[in-house]
Amino acid sequence: VPNVRLFPIGGPFCLGRQEVVPIPVKHGPWDVLGFRFGRFAYLTDCNAVPDASGALLGGLDDLVLDALRRRPHPTHFTLEQAIAMARRIGARRTWFTHIAHDLGHAETCAGLPEGMALAYDGLVLEMS
């Protein structure tokens, strides 16, 4: 039986020497967290970023953002919603993840705005 110990996250914390900033987002009716690490943010399993959370996301180099599919879903961004949110956040590069099999990789990437792409297995992002 796994021994899981839960710890509440009440604000920024350090993981080693890296400050981690929790970013409140919505997963349907549920409040969940994304995370910011310096100029990188990871917001997956979500369908909304409250205005107050948007204020925590300025100056990003890289954003990883949920973009499940083109059809609406109650707890995930559609691709179009994710593109709109990525534009609002304004990161230099956005990588869409948590994607369904009905988004063909090459054809979807070809239709995305500059600086946006679907993530893929084995993708490595190097941060300075």
Protein backbone atom coordinates (compact mmCIF):
# COMPACT_ATOMS: atom_id res chain seq x y z
CA VAL A 1 0.00 0.00 0.00
CA PRO A 2 1.49 3.37 -0.98
CA ASN A 3 2.28 5.74 1.84
CA VAL A 4 1.06 9.08 0.47
CA ARG A 5 1.50 12.21 2.55
CA LEU A 6 -0.35 15.29 1.35
CA PHE A 7 0.95 18.77 2.03
CA PRO A 8 -1.20 21.86 1.41
CA ILE A 9 0.27 24.44 -0.94
CA GLY A 10 -0.43 27.90 0.44
CA GLY A 11 1.82 29.97 -1.79
CA PRO A 12 5.24 29.98 -3.42
CA PHE A 13 7.73 27.40 -2.17
CA CYS A 14 11.25 26.25 -3.00
CA LEU A 15 12.16 22.96 -4.60
CA GLY A 16 15.90 22.83 -4.11
CA ARG A 17 16.99 26.33 -5.14
CA GLN A 18 14.10 26.81 -7.57
CA GLU A 19 11.15 28.94 -6.49
CA VAL A 20 7.84 27.36 -7.55
CA VAL A 21 4.82 29.64 -7.82
CA PRO A 22 1.44 27.87 -7.72
CA ILE A 23 -0.98 29.23 -10.34
CA PRO A 24 -4.70 28.71 -9.55
CA VAL A 25 -6.60 27.44 -12.61
CA LYS A 26 -9.94 25.72 -13.20
CA HIS A 27 -10.59 22.11 -14.20
CA GLY A 28 -14.32 22.43 -14.84
CA PRO A 29 -15.86 23.24 -11.45
CA TRP A 30 -12.70 22.31 -9.54
CA ASP A 31 -9.91 24.59 -8.42
CA VAL A 32 -6.54 23.06 -9.34
CA LEU A 33 -2.99 24.33 -9.64
CA GLY A 34 -0.54 24.93 -12.44
CA PHE A 35 3.02 25.94 -11.63
CA ARG A 36 5.52 28.59 -12.63
CA PHE A 37 9.27 27.96 -12.47
CA GLY A 38 11.12 31.16 -13.35
CA ARG A 39 10.22 32.01 -16.97
CA PHE A 40 8.44 28.66 -17.53
CA ALA A 41 4.84 27.77 -16.61
CA TYR A 42 3.02 24.43 -16.72
CA LEU A 43 -0.78 24.70 -16.90
CA THR A 44 -2.32 21.40 -17.88
CA ASP A 45 -5.58 19.66 -17.02
CA CYS A 46 -7.45 22.97 -17.10
CA ASN A 47 -10.09 24.94 -18.97
CA ALA A 48 -9.81 28.42 -17.46
CA VAL A 49 -7.18 30.76 -16.07
CA PRO A 50 -8.72 33.35 -13.73
CA ASP A 51 -7.69 36.98 -14.25
CA ALA A 52 -5.81 37.02 -10.93
CA SER A 53 -3.76 34.03 -12.10
CA GLY A 54 -3.04 35.69 -15.42
CA ALA A 55 -1.25 38.41 -13.49
CA LEU A 56 1.21 35.75 -12.24
CA LEU A 57 2.14 34.71 -15.79
CA GLY A 58 3.83 37.75 -17.30
CA GLY A 59 7.26 37.54 -18.91
CA LEU A 60 7.27 33.84 -19.74
CA ASP A 61 9.64 32.29 -22.25
CA ASP A 62 7.79 28.97 -22.35
CA LEU A 63 4.23 27.99 -21.50
CA VAL A 64 2.89 24.44 -21.50
CA LEU A 65 -0.89 24.60 -21.81
CA ASP A 66 -3.78 22.11 -22.03
CA ALA A 67 -5.39 21.81 -25.50
CA LEU A 68 -7.40 18.58 -25.60
CA ARG A 69 -9.15 18.70 -28.98
CA ARG A 70 -11.28 20.88 -31.26
CA ARG A 71 -14.64 19.76 -29.81
CA PRO A 72 -15.72 21.33 -26.49
CA HIS A 73 -15.02 19.46 -23.26
CA PRO A 74 -16.29 20.35 -19.77
CA THR A 75 -12.86 20.32 -18.09
CA HIS A 76 -10.25 21.03 -20.79
CA PHE A 77 -9.45 23.84 -23.21
CA THR A 78 -10.29 23.24 -26.83
CA LEU A 79 -7.47 24.01 -29.23
CA GLU A 80 -9.07 27.35 -30.15
CA GLN A 81 -9.59 28.28 -26.49
CA ALA A 82 -5.99 27.33 -25.73
CA ILE A 83 -4.71 29.51 -28.60
CA ALA A 84 -6.73 32.44 -27.25
CA MET A 85 -5.43 31.86 -23.71
CA ALA A 86 -1.85 31.54 -24.98
CA ARG A 87 -2.20 34.88 -26.77
CA ARG A 88 -3.59 36.45 -23.58
CA ILE A 89 -0.68 35.11 -21.50
CA GLY A 90 1.85 36.16 -24.14
CA ALA A 91 4.71 33.68 -23.62
CA ARG A 92 7.44 33.67 -26.27
CA ARG A 93 6.69 29.99 -26.99
CA THR A 94 3.63 27.89 -26.14
CA TRP A 95 3.56 24.11 -26.17
CA PHE A 96 0.12 22.50 -26.16
CA THR A 97 -0.23 19.25 -24.24
CA HIS A 98 -2.89 16.91 -22.86
CA ILE A 99 -3.95 16.49 -26.49
CA ALA A 100 -6.34 13.85 -27.86
CA HIS A 101 -5.56 11.51 -30.73
CA ASP A 102 -7.89 13.37 -33.09
CA LEU A 103 -5.41 16.27 -33.37
CA GLY A 104 -3.01 15.14 -36.05
CA HIS A 105 0.41 16.45 -35.08
CA ALA A 106 1.85 17.75 -38.36
CA GLU A 107 -1.37 19.22 -39.75
CA THR A 108 -2.32 20.82 -36.42
CA CYS A 109 1.13 22.38 -35.94
CA ALA A 110 1.05 23.71 -39.51
CA GLY A 111 -2.11 25.68 -38.69
CA LEU A 112 -0.95 27.15 -35.38
CA PRO A 113 0.19 30.75 -34.89
CA GLU A 114 3.92 31.45 -34.81
CA GLY A 115 5.50 30.48 -31.50
CA MET A 116 2.90 27.79 -30.78
CA ALA A 117 3.17 24.03 -31.34
CA LEU A 118 1.86 20.73 -30.07
CA ALA A 119 4.18 19.11 -27.56
CA TYR A 120 5.29 15.54 -28.26
CA ASP A 121 6.73 12.54 -26.45
CA GLY A 122 10.42 13.07 -25.81
CA LEU A 123 10.28 16.87 -26.08
CA VAL A 124 12.99 18.48 -23.96
CA LEU A 125 12.83 22.18 -23.08
CA GLU A 126 16.04 23.70 -21.77
CA MET A 127 15.66 26.59 -19.34
CA SER A 128 18.37 29.02 -18.32
